[in-house]
């Protein structure tokens, strides 16, 4: 999956409008205007298409974290390790921004028809170099985003609010 595809899927799943997306980029210290946003959201075959850099997608997610959770107590957010694959970084930031617990994530994956055991999930959140660390594949991230869209846009079951009750 490209960063552009991930951005489109997150935006759809969370029903983020253009102006809100620009604000989120700004919160993540990425300066972007509406034409630039539309170029990032365009399909690859579109003449206006512009590739979304790793810095841009991570900045957008940092903005989402700041919007949903506020600034981190005790200073700025830790910088991800350079060796860590992008999908793992994106997945971790979404987990933080949406305040998801393991059970919530397993429920979202289940909504997408992607059954995963808890140890498989926790291996994605470990540090690279840990003996149980696993890189997050495109299929895993795609199914997570699909489950998120099903839950948020289509009223799927297993919402985080329901699991906390």
N, C-alpha and C. Protein backbone atom coordinates (compact mmCIF):
# COMPACT_ATOMS: atom_id res chain seq x y z
N UNK A 1 0.84 -1.18 0.00
CA UNK A 1 0.00 0.00 0.00
C UNK A 1 0.88 1.24 0.00
N UNK A 2 0.47 2.21 -0.77
CA UNK A 2 1.21 3.47 -0.78
C UNK A 2 0.72 4.36 0.36
N UNK A 3 1.53 5.35 0.71
CA UNK A 3 1.12 6.31 1.74
C UNK A 3 -0.14 7.05 1.32
N UNK A 4 -0.28 7.30 0.01
CA UNK A 4 -1.47 7.98 -0.50
C UNK A 4 -2.72 7.13 -0.24
N UNK A 5 -2.60 5.83 -0.49
CA UNK A 5 -3.73 4.93 -0.27
C UNK A 5 -4.09 4.89 1.23
N UNK A 6 -3.08 4.84 2.06
CA UNK A 6 -3.31 4.82 3.52
C UNK A 6 -4.00 6.11 3.95
N UNK A 7 -3.52 7.25 3.46
CA UNK A 7 -4.13 8.54 3.78
C UNK A 7 -5.59 8.57 3.36
N UNK A 8 -5.88 8.11 2.15
CA UNK A 8 -7.27 8.08 1.66
C UNK A 8 -8.14 7.19 2.54
N UNK A 9 -7.63 6.04 2.92
CA UNK A 9 -8.41 5.10 3.74
C UNK A 9 -8.68 5.65 5.14
N UNK A 10 -7.66 6.27 5.74
CA UNK A 10 -7.85 6.86 7.08
C UNK A 10 -8.87 7.98 7.00
N UNK A 11 -8.71 8.81 6.00
CA UNK A 11 -9.62 9.95 5.83
C UNK A 11 -11.06 9.47 5.65
N UNK A 12 -11.25 8.43 4.86
CA UNK A 12 -12.58 7.88 4.65
C UNK A 12 -13.13 7.27 5.94
N UNK A 13 -12.33 6.42 6.58
CA UNK A 13 -12.78 5.70 7.78
C UNK A 13 -13.19 6.66 8.89
N UNK A 14 -12.44 7.75 9.05
CA UNK A 14 -12.70 8.69 10.14
C UNK A 14 -13.54 9.88 9.70
N UNK A 15 -13.97 9.87 8.43
CA UNK A 15 -14.82 10.93 7.86
C UNK A 15 -14.18 12.31 8.08
N UNK A 16 -12.92 12.43 7.66
CA UNK A 16 -12.17 13.68 7.81
C UNK A 16 -12.34 14.51 6.53
N UNK A 17 -12.87 15.69 6.68
CA UNK A 17 -13.06 16.62 5.56
C UNK A 17 -11.73 17.28 5.19
N UNK A 18 -11.70 17.93 4.01
CA UNK A 18 -10.47 18.54 3.50
C UNK A 18 -9.86 19.53 4.49
N UNK A 19 -10.66 20.46 5.00
CA UNK A 19 -10.12 21.49 5.89
C UNK A 19 -9.58 20.88 7.18
N UNK A 20 -10.26 19.87 7.69
CA UNK A 20 -9.78 19.19 8.90
C UNK A 20 -8.46 18.47 8.62
N UNK A 21 -8.35 17.86 7.44
CA UNK A 21 -7.10 17.17 7.08
C UNK A 21 -5.95 18.17 7.01
N UNK A 22 -6.19 19.34 6.43
CA UNK A 22 -5.16 20.38 6.36
C UNK A 22 -4.74 20.81 7.76
N UNK A 23 -5.73 20.93 8.65
CA UNK A 23 -5.45 21.28 10.04
C UNK A 23 -4.60 20.20 10.71
N UNK A 24 -4.93 18.93 10.47
CA UNK A 24 -4.17 17.82 11.06
C UNK A 24 -2.73 17.83 10.58
N UNK A 25 -2.53 18.08 9.29
CA UNK A 25 -1.16 18.19 8.77
C UNK A 25 -0.43 19.31 9.50
N UNK A 26 -1.11 20.45 9.68
CA UNK A 26 -0.51 21.58 10.37
C UNK A 26 -0.12 21.26 11.80
N UNK A 27 -0.99 20.54 12.51
CA UNK A 27 -0.68 20.13 13.87
C UNK A 27 0.56 19.24 13.91
N UNK A 28 0.75 18.48 12.84
CA UNK A 28 1.91 17.60 12.73
C UNK A 28 3.11 18.29 12.10
N UNK A 29 3.03 19.63 12.03
CA UNK A 29 4.12 20.47 11.52
C UNK A 29 4.44 20.22 10.05
N UNK A 30 3.39 19.91 9.28
CA UNK A 30 3.53 19.76 7.83
C UNK A 30 2.64 20.83 7.20
N UNK A 31 3.27 21.75 6.48
CA UNK A 31 2.53 22.83 5.83
C UNK A 31 1.97 22.32 4.50
N UNK A 32 0.65 22.43 4.37
CA UNK A 32 0.00 21.92 3.17
C UNK A 32 -1.24 22.77 2.90
N UNK A 33 -1.53 23.00 1.62
CA UNK A 33 -2.74 23.74 1.27
C UNK A 33 -3.70 22.81 0.53
N UNK A 34 -4.88 23.32 0.19
CA UNK A 34 -5.91 22.46 -0.41
C UNK A 34 -5.48 21.82 -1.73
N UNK A 35 -4.86 22.55 -2.66
CA UNK A 35 -4.42 21.88 -3.90
C UNK A 35 -3.41 20.76 -3.63
N UNK A 36 -2.52 20.97 -2.66
CA UNK A 36 -1.55 19.93 -2.32
C UNK A 36 -2.25 18.71 -1.71
N UNK A 37 -3.25 18.96 -0.86
CA UNK A 37 -4.01 17.86 -0.26
C UNK A 37 -4.72 17.07 -1.35
N UNK A 38 -5.36 17.78 -2.27
CA UNK A 38 -6.08 17.09 -3.35
C UNK A 38 -5.13 16.27 -4.22
N UNK A 39 -3.90 16.75 -4.39
CA UNK A 39 -2.90 15.99 -5.15
C UNK A 39 -2.50 14.71 -4.41
N UNK A 40 -2.45 14.77 -3.06
CA UNK A 40 -2.13 13.58 -2.27
C UNK A 40 -3.29 12.58 -2.28
N UNK A 41 -4.51 13.08 -2.40
CA UNK A 41 -5.69 12.21 -2.38
C UNK A 41 -6.05 11.67 -3.75
N UNK A 42 -5.44 12.22 -4.80
CA UNK A 42 -5.73 11.79 -6.17
C UNK A 42 -5.22 10.37 -6.41
N UNK A 43 -5.83 9.70 -7.35
CA UNK A 43 -5.38 8.36 -7.76
C UNK A 43 -4.10 8.49 -8.59
N UNK A 44 -3.32 7.44 -8.63
CA UNK A 44 -2.03 7.47 -9.33
C UNK A 44 -2.15 7.84 -10.80
N UNK A 45 -3.24 7.45 -11.43
CA UNK A 45 -3.40 7.73 -12.86
C UNK A 45 -3.86 9.16 -13.12
N UNK A 46 -4.24 9.91 -12.09
CA UNK A 46 -4.68 11.29 -12.21
C UNK A 46 -3.48 12.19 -12.49
N UNK A 47 -3.67 13.18 -13.34
CA UNK A 47 -2.58 14.11 -13.69
C UNK A 47 -2.14 14.94 -12.49
N UNK A 48 -3.01 15.17 -11.53
CA UNK A 48 -2.69 15.98 -10.36
C UNK A 48 -2.02 15.19 -9.24
N UNK A 49 -1.86 13.88 -9.41
CA UNK A 49 -1.32 13.00 -8.37
C UNK A 49 0.06 13.44 -7.92
N UNK A 50 0.26 13.42 -6.61
CA UNK A 50 1.58 13.66 -6.02
C UNK A 50 1.79 12.62 -4.92
N UNK A 51 2.94 12.00 -4.90
CA UNK A 51 3.23 10.96 -3.93
C UNK A 51 3.32 11.54 -2.52
N UNK A 52 2.71 10.84 -1.56
CA UNK A 52 2.72 11.24 -0.15
C UNK A 52 3.98 10.67 0.49
N UNK A 53 4.82 11.55 1.01
CA UNK A 53 6.08 11.11 1.60
C UNK A 53 5.84 10.49 2.99
N UNK A 54 6.84 9.77 3.46
CA UNK A 54 6.77 9.21 4.81
C UNK A 54 6.61 10.33 5.84
N UNK A 55 7.33 11.42 5.65
CA UNK A 55 7.25 12.56 6.56
C UNK A 55 5.82 13.13 6.59
N UNK A 56 5.17 13.21 5.44
CA UNK A 56 3.81 13.76 5.38
C UNK A 56 2.81 12.86 6.09
N UNK A 57 2.84 11.55 5.83
CA UNK A 57 1.85 10.66 6.46
C UNK A 57 2.07 10.60 7.96
N UNK A 58 3.34 10.58 8.40
CA UNK A 58 3.61 10.55 9.83
C UNK A 58 3.22 11.88 10.49
N UNK A 59 3.42 13.00 9.78
CA UNK A 59 2.99 14.30 10.28
C UNK A 59 1.48 14.37 10.42
N UNK A 60 0.76 13.83 9.44
CA UNK A 60 -0.70 13.79 9.50
C UNK A 60 -1.16 12.99 10.72
N UNK A 61 -0.53 11.84 10.94
CA UNK A 61 -0.90 11.00 12.09
C UNK A 61 -0.52 11.66 13.41
N UNK A 62 0.61 12.36 13.44
CA UNK A 62 0.97 13.11 14.64
C UNK A 62 -0.09 14.18 14.94
N UNK A 63 -0.58 14.82 13.89
CA UNK A 63 -1.64 15.81 14.05
C UNK A 63 -2.92 15.18 14.58
N UNK A 64 -3.23 13.98 14.11
CA UNK A 64 -4.41 13.25 14.59
C UNK A 64 -4.26 12.92 16.07
N UNK A 65 -3.06 12.53 16.47
CA UNK A 65 -2.80 12.23 17.88
C UNK A 65 -2.98 13.50 18.72
N UNK A 66 -2.41 14.61 18.26
CA UNK A 66 -2.53 15.87 19.00
C UNK A 66 -3.98 16.32 19.11
N UNK A 67 -4.74 16.16 18.04
CA UNK A 67 -6.15 16.56 18.05
C UNK A 67 -6.95 15.70 19.04
N UNK A 68 -6.73 14.40 18.99
CA UNK A 68 -7.53 13.48 19.80
C UNK A 68 -7.07 13.36 21.24
N UNK A 69 -5.77 13.51 21.48
CA UNK A 69 -5.23 13.24 22.82
C UNK A 69 -4.55 14.43 23.46
N UNK A 70 -4.23 15.45 22.67
CA UNK A 70 -3.51 16.59 23.20
C UNK A 70 -2.01 16.32 23.19
N UNK A 71 -1.23 17.33 23.58
CA UNK A 71 0.23 17.14 23.59
C UNK A 71 0.65 16.14 24.66
N UNK A 72 1.75 15.50 24.40
CA UNK A 72 2.29 14.50 25.33
C UNK A 72 2.84 15.19 26.57
N UNK A 73 2.50 14.64 27.72
CA UNK A 73 3.04 15.17 28.97
C UNK A 73 4.52 14.84 29.03
N UNK A 74 5.30 15.79 29.46
CA UNK A 74 6.73 15.55 29.61
C UNK A 74 7.54 15.76 28.35
N UNK A 75 6.97 16.42 27.35
CA UNK A 75 7.77 16.75 26.18
C UNK A 75 7.21 16.21 24.89
N UNK A 76 8.02 16.31 23.82
CA UNK A 76 7.56 15.88 22.50
C UNK A 76 7.47 14.36 22.38
N UNK A 77 6.74 13.94 21.38
CA UNK A 77 6.58 12.50 21.14
C UNK A 77 7.92 11.88 20.77
N UNK A 78 8.14 10.63 21.16
CA UNK A 78 9.40 9.98 20.80
C UNK A 78 9.46 9.76 19.29
N UNK A 79 10.64 9.89 18.74
CA UNK A 79 10.83 9.66 17.31
C UNK A 79 10.93 8.16 17.06
N UNK A 80 10.23 7.67 16.02
CA UNK A 80 10.31 6.24 15.73
C UNK A 80 11.70 5.85 15.25
N UNK A 81 12.01 4.60 15.47
CA UNK A 81 13.31 4.10 15.03
C UNK A 81 13.34 4.05 13.51
N UNK A 82 14.46 4.45 12.94
CA UNK A 82 14.59 4.50 11.49
C UNK A 82 14.44 3.12 10.85
N UNK A 83 14.86 2.08 11.56
CA UNK A 83 14.81 0.73 11.01
C UNK A 83 13.40 0.15 11.00
N UNK A 84 12.47 0.80 11.70
CA UNK A 84 11.12 0.27 11.80
C UNK A 84 10.35 0.51 10.51
N UNK A 85 9.71 -0.53 9.97
CA UNK A 85 8.94 -0.36 8.74
C UNK A 85 7.80 0.66 8.91
N UNK A 86 7.48 1.33 7.82
CA UNK A 86 6.43 2.37 7.85
C UNK A 86 5.10 1.83 8.35
N UNK A 87 4.70 0.65 7.90
CA UNK A 87 3.39 0.12 8.32
C UNK A 87 3.30 -0.01 9.84
N UNK A 88 4.38 -0.44 10.48
CA UNK A 88 4.38 -0.55 11.94
C UNK A 88 4.23 0.83 12.58
N UNK A 89 4.95 1.82 12.05
CA UNK A 89 4.86 3.17 12.58
C UNK A 89 3.44 3.72 12.42
N UNK A 90 2.86 3.52 11.26
CA UNK A 90 1.51 4.00 10.99
C UNK A 90 0.51 3.32 11.91
N UNK A 91 0.63 2.01 12.04
CA UNK A 91 -0.29 1.25 12.89
C UNK A 91 -0.19 1.71 14.35
N UNK A 92 1.04 1.92 14.84
CA UNK A 92 1.23 2.38 16.22
C UNK A 92 0.61 3.75 16.43
N UNK A 93 0.81 4.66 15.48
CA UNK A 93 0.26 6.01 15.62
C UNK A 93 -1.27 5.99 15.59
N UNK A 94 -1.86 5.15 14.75
CA UNK A 94 -3.32 5.04 14.71
C UNK A 94 -3.84 4.48 16.03
N UNK A 95 -3.13 3.51 16.56
CA UNK A 95 -3.54 2.93 17.85
C UNK A 95 -3.55 3.99 18.95
N UNK A 96 -2.52 4.82 18.98
CA UNK A 96 -2.44 5.88 19.98
C UNK A 96 -3.51 6.94 19.74
N UNK A 97 -3.62 7.40 18.49
CA UNK A 97 -4.57 8.47 18.16
C UNK A 97 -6.01 8.09 18.49
N UNK A 98 -6.35 6.85 18.23
CA UNK A 98 -7.73 6.39 18.42
C UNK A 98 -7.94 5.73 19.78
N UNK A 99 -6.87 5.69 20.59
CA UNK A 99 -6.92 5.14 21.94
C UNK A 99 -7.49 3.71 21.94
N UNK A 100 -6.92 2.89 21.07
CA UNK A 100 -7.40 1.52 20.91
C UNK A 100 -6.62 0.56 21.79
N UNK A 101 -7.35 -0.33 22.41
CA UNK A 101 -6.74 -1.43 23.18
C UNK A 101 -6.63 -2.62 22.26
N UNK A 102 -5.89 -3.63 22.70
CA UNK A 102 -5.71 -4.83 21.86
C UNK A 102 -7.04 -5.45 21.48
N UNK A 103 -7.98 -5.50 22.43
CA UNK A 103 -9.28 -6.10 22.15
C UNK A 103 -10.03 -5.31 21.07
N UNK A 104 -9.88 -3.98 21.09
CA UNK A 104 -10.52 -3.13 20.09
C UNK A 104 -9.96 -3.44 18.70
N UNK A 105 -8.64 -3.56 18.62
CA UNK A 105 -7.99 -3.83 17.34
C UNK A 105 -8.39 -5.21 16.83
N UNK A 106 -8.40 -6.20 17.71
CA UNK A 106 -8.83 -7.54 17.31
C UNK A 106 -10.26 -7.53 16.79
N UNK A 107 -11.13 -6.72 17.44
CA UNK A 107 -12.51 -6.59 16.99
C UNK A 107 -12.60 -5.95 15.61
N UNK A 108 -11.79 -4.93 15.36
CA UNK A 108 -11.78 -4.28 14.05
C UNK A 108 -11.31 -5.23 12.96
N UNK A 109 -10.27 -5.99 13.27
CA UNK A 109 -9.77 -6.97 12.30
C UNK A 109 -10.81 -8.04 12.03
N UNK A 110 -11.53 -8.43 13.07
CA UNK A 110 -12.58 -9.43 12.92
C UNK A 110 -13.72 -8.90 12.04
N UNK A 111 -14.05 -7.62 12.19
CA UNK A 111 -15.08 -7.01 11.33
C UNK A 111 -14.70 -7.12 9.86
N UNK A 112 -13.41 -7.02 9.58
CA UNK A 112 -12.92 -7.12 8.21
C UNK A 112 -12.76 -8.57 7.76
N UNK A 113 -13.09 -9.52 8.64
CA UNK A 113 -12.96 -10.93 8.29
C UNK A 113 -11.53 -11.42 8.37
N UNK A 114 -10.71 -10.76 9.17
CA UNK A 114 -9.29 -11.10 9.29
C UNK A 114 -9.04 -11.50 10.74
N UNK A 115 -9.02 -12.79 10.99
CA UNK A 115 -8.85 -13.29 12.36
C UNK A 115 -7.37 -13.37 12.72
N UNK A 116 -7.05 -12.80 13.85
CA UNK A 116 -5.67 -12.74 14.33
C UNK A 116 -5.68 -13.07 15.81
N UNK A 117 -4.64 -13.74 16.25
CA UNK A 117 -4.50 -14.03 17.68
C UNK A 117 -3.74 -12.89 18.36
N UNK A 118 -3.94 -12.75 19.65
CA UNK A 118 -3.33 -11.67 20.41
C UNK A 118 -1.80 -11.64 20.29
N UNK A 119 -1.10 -12.80 20.37
CA UNK A 119 0.37 -12.75 20.22
C UNK A 119 0.83 -12.20 18.87
N UNK A 120 0.06 -12.50 17.80
CA UNK A 120 0.41 -11.96 16.49
C UNK A 120 0.30 -10.44 16.48
N UNK A 121 -0.72 -9.93 17.16
CA UNK A 121 -0.94 -8.50 17.24
C UNK A 121 0.15 -7.82 18.06
N UNK A 122 0.43 -8.35 19.23
CA UNK A 122 1.42 -7.70 20.10
C UNK A 122 2.82 -7.70 19.48
N UNK A 123 3.11 -8.66 18.60
CA UNK A 123 4.43 -8.69 17.97
C UNK A 123 4.65 -7.47 17.06
N UNK A 124 3.56 -6.87 16.58
CA UNK A 124 3.68 -5.70 15.71
C UNK A 124 4.07 -4.44 16.48
N UNK A 125 3.79 -4.43 17.79
CA UNK A 125 4.03 -3.24 18.60
C UNK A 125 5.34 -3.31 19.38
N UNK A 126 6.10 -4.36 19.17
CA UNK A 126 7.39 -4.49 19.83
C UNK A 126 8.44 -3.68 19.08
N UNK A 127 9.57 -3.45 19.73
CA UNK A 127 10.66 -2.72 19.09
C UNK A 127 11.38 -3.64 18.11
N UNK A 128 11.85 -3.07 16.99
CA UNK A 128 12.66 -3.88 16.08
C UNK A 128 13.88 -4.41 16.84
N UNK A 129 14.22 -5.64 16.58
CA UNK A 129 15.32 -6.27 17.30
C UNK A 129 14.85 -7.18 18.41
N UNK A 130 13.62 -6.97 18.90
CA UNK A 130 13.05 -7.88 19.91
C UNK A 130 12.82 -9.23 19.24
N UNK A 131 13.03 -10.30 19.98
CA UNK A 131 12.95 -11.63 19.35
C UNK A 131 11.55 -11.96 18.84
N UNK A 132 10.50 -11.30 19.35
CA UNK A 132 9.13 -11.57 18.88
C UNK A 132 8.58 -10.48 17.97
N UNK A 133 9.43 -9.52 17.58
CA UNK A 133 8.99 -8.43 16.69
C UNK A 133 8.63 -8.98 15.31
N UNK A 134 7.56 -8.44 14.72
CA UNK A 134 7.18 -8.78 13.36
C UNK A 134 6.85 -7.51 12.60
N UNK A 135 7.27 -7.40 11.35
CA UNK A 135 6.86 -6.25 10.54
C UNK A 135 5.38 -6.37 10.18
N UNK A 136 4.72 -5.23 10.10
CA UNK A 136 3.30 -5.18 9.75
C UNK A 136 3.18 -5.18 8.23
N UNK A 137 2.57 -6.21 7.69
CA UNK A 137 2.41 -6.30 6.24
C UNK A 137 1.26 -5.45 5.74
N UNK A 138 1.26 -5.23 4.43
CA UNK A 138 0.19 -4.45 3.81
C UNK A 138 -1.19 -5.05 4.07
N UNK A 139 -1.29 -6.38 3.99
CA UNK A 139 -2.58 -7.04 4.20
C UNK A 139 -3.12 -6.77 5.60
N UNK A 140 -2.26 -6.80 6.58
CA UNK A 140 -2.66 -6.57 7.97
C UNK A 140 -3.19 -5.14 8.12
N UNK A 141 -2.42 -4.17 7.64
CA UNK A 141 -2.82 -2.76 7.75
C UNK A 141 -4.10 -2.50 6.94
N UNK A 142 -4.18 -3.07 5.76
CA UNK A 142 -5.37 -2.90 4.91
C UNK A 142 -6.62 -3.42 5.61
N UNK A 143 -6.53 -4.59 6.23
CA UNK A 143 -7.68 -5.16 6.93
C UNK A 143 -8.05 -4.34 8.17
N UNK A 144 -7.05 -3.81 8.88
CA UNK A 144 -7.31 -2.96 10.03
C UNK A 144 -8.08 -1.72 9.58
N UNK A 145 -7.62 -1.07 8.51
CA UNK A 145 -8.29 0.14 8.02
C UNK A 145 -9.69 -0.17 7.49
N UNK A 146 -9.86 -1.35 6.89
CA UNK A 146 -11.19 -1.75 6.42
C UNK A 146 -12.12 -1.96 7.61
N UNK A 147 -11.66 -2.62 8.64
CA UNK A 147 -12.46 -2.82 9.85
C UNK A 147 -12.81 -1.50 10.51
N UNK A 148 -11.85 -0.56 10.53
CA UNK A 148 -12.10 0.76 11.09
C UNK A 148 -13.19 1.49 10.31
N UNK A 149 -13.12 1.39 8.99
CA UNK A 149 -14.15 2.02 8.15
C UNK A 149 -15.51 1.37 8.37
N UNK A 150 -15.53 0.05 8.47
CA UNK A 150 -16.80 -0.64 8.71
C UNK A 150 -17.41 -0.21 10.04
N UNK A 151 -16.57 -0.08 11.05
CA UNK A 151 -17.06 0.30 12.37
C UNK A 151 -17.53 1.75 12.40
N UNK A 152 -16.71 2.65 11.91
CA UNK A 152 -16.98 4.09 12.03
C UNK A 152 -18.00 4.60 11.02
N UNK A 153 -17.96 4.07 9.81
CA UNK A 153 -18.83 4.60 8.76
C UNK A 153 -20.11 3.80 8.58
N UNK A 154 -20.07 2.52 8.93
CA UNK A 154 -21.21 1.66 8.65
C UNK A 154 -21.81 1.05 9.90
N UNK A 155 -21.43 1.57 11.07
CA UNK A 155 -22.03 1.10 12.32
C UNK A 155 -21.75 -0.35 12.64
N UNK A 156 -20.52 -0.81 12.40
CA UNK A 156 -20.16 -2.18 12.70
C UNK A 156 -20.20 -2.46 14.19
N UNK A 157 -20.11 -3.70 14.54
CA UNK A 157 -20.15 -4.12 15.94
C UNK A 157 -18.77 -3.97 16.57
N UNK A 158 -18.69 -4.30 17.86
CA UNK A 158 -17.43 -4.29 18.60
C UNK A 158 -16.77 -2.92 18.66
N UNK A 159 -17.55 -1.87 18.87
CA UNK A 159 -16.95 -0.55 18.97
C UNK A 159 -16.20 -0.46 20.29
N UNK A 160 -15.15 0.36 20.35
CA UNK A 160 -14.38 0.50 21.59
C UNK A 160 -15.25 0.91 22.77
N UNK A 161 -16.25 1.75 22.55
CA UNK A 161 -17.12 2.18 23.65
C UNK A 161 -17.90 1.01 24.21
N UNK A 162 -18.29 0.09 23.35
CA UNK A 162 -19.05 -1.07 23.80
C UNK A 162 -18.17 -2.05 24.58
N UNK A 163 -16.91 -2.17 24.18
CA UNK A 163 -16.04 -3.12 24.87
C UNK A 163 -15.62 -2.62 26.24
N UNK A 164 -15.70 -1.31 26.48
CA UNK A 164 -15.33 -0.77 27.78
C UNK A 164 -16.44 -0.95 28.80
N UNK A 165 -17.68 -1.13 28.37
CA UNK A 165 -18.82 -1.23 29.30
C UNK A 165 -18.76 -2.48 30.12
